[in-house]
């Protein structure tokens, strides 16, 4: 390159102003650097300084002649390149003539180190070239920065490293901000095998990256699979809502019971044998199985992650390595970072859910891990609840609309068994969640509860909470039928009827009439019961069948003798009464000084 004074001044001034703006030079350093740069142009001044002062300190290196020879090789190699100046990072270490000139002074072992870290297509420097944003790829910053570090790493005596500020000054150029050098260096520290872990220099001893790689190469696939299972165990709750079975080998390893089960398989889909059989026995409760399988596309990523995790732990525990304090801190830092990604990495691999349905399996892709989750079973449970595939409690309305709409009654135990056995049916997290739905429906009056007597359902409860035990013969009954049955069985009445109107029997008359109904006999029986049970309060909800008012009168008489206060709540429905008749009832109560409260 022929020196053009005008062009040299333009290039030097542009760079010096850039270096001042970027903080690479102070105001006090600007003038001296400008003068040195003008003298060394087209080379940057540090190129001459490093060759003359550091490389020139080797006994085998003839300072002037050796420096000129190297500069000549570099110029010849770059003669067709359109670059504003020549940096140390522009030295092409892939040029055999230049590389041999350098290796003559530092040792032949550096030939393979240069190739492995800087010049080969798979070198760490080339990987960093490609890893940076596309706008920086033309600058080959991975190669430029690593070459600069290499060229400043040798001296016959004295300094053999470079500071970060010097590195940025030596490698930056006005066409990009110098901050990208920090990013490049960070990536190189992760990729290069022979850059010191303590400072910015190359060494002929492997750094942590190289030690890590050697450790990784000695890790077997069996070790990886074992650690995979350990990671899964660490991320399963101690008391999961769904019982978890990890990597079962055979269908008999999954029990055959009514519990919901999460089966984690290290395969991309479940075998039908797991669904259809429990060993040699056909599996009946098929709808209780949930399968979690792997995404094979993420296998290499997970295994690479686990391999590095095991290697870092091995380095930390290997006292033979004699790591420096900085290296120990770096191992700790990398290990913490690796462990922090544990759940994310395992969940990206285990991301396919399979649920039994009538056609075999219904599959779900869980996608990326949910932020903040750390337990696999909990995330799956929440995911399936969100999809409506798992219920905390079965909806009483669903029971009515889906299972009772086309039949008059349904045996509760058979419904529960059908949910467990039929692939694709509703899945309730527990038996209690199913029973709660039944109770709620009866209490709300959506359907009634009763028992089979022969083949006929008999309603026992509606609009109140029943006791459900999932015993044989328990049934739910259409609400209309239950109410009709109740209406036929009872009428609430404390009154006797005539064909024309209602004849009110007063409290006094009830007491008198009770004496003729042999109340004494009933009292004697109740005294015996009182001695046995000793109740100090009685609460009954009584439905009065037509014609049974006299029986109620006997009971009221007895209770009025045993207790100071007897409260009766009258609710009559499924019929009509004239307003005048109703007014007569109220008038009678008033005349007899009987306290009452009218409810709307």
Foldseek 3Di string as FASTA:
>chain_A
DDDDLVLQLVQLVLLLVQCCVLVLDDPVCSVVQSVQQSVPPLARNVLLVLQQAFVVQQPVAPRPVNSVVLVVVLCVVCVPPPDSHDFLLSRQCVPPVNVVSSCVRVHPLVVVLCCQAANPCPHLLNVLLVVDPPVRNVLSLSSSLLSNQASQQGGPDDDRGDAPSRSLSRRDHPVDRSVVNVVSVVSSVQGRQAQELPGRHGDSDGHPNVLLVVQLVPDDVVNLVVVLVVLQVVQADPDFLAAEAEADPALLSDDQDQAQYEYEHAAADDDCRNQQDNVVHGRQQNQSYKYWYFDVVLPVVSSVLSSSLVSLVVVQPDVVVVDDPSRNVVSVVVNVVSVVCSQQSSCNTRFKMWGFAPVGTDIDGNPGDDPPRRHPSVSVVVVCVVVQQEAQADALVCCCPPPVVPHFKDQLLVVSSCQRRHTPHHHYSDPVRDLVNVQVCQLVLQWFKAFQDPNDTAGDGHNHGDDDDSDPGIMTGGSVVNVVNLVQFAFFDLWDDDPPATDRQDLVNLLVVLVVVPLVVVLVVVVVVCVVPVDPDDDDDDGHHPPCSNVVSSVVNNVVVVDVDDDDDHDGDPDDHDPVRVVVVVVRCVVVVHDDDDDD
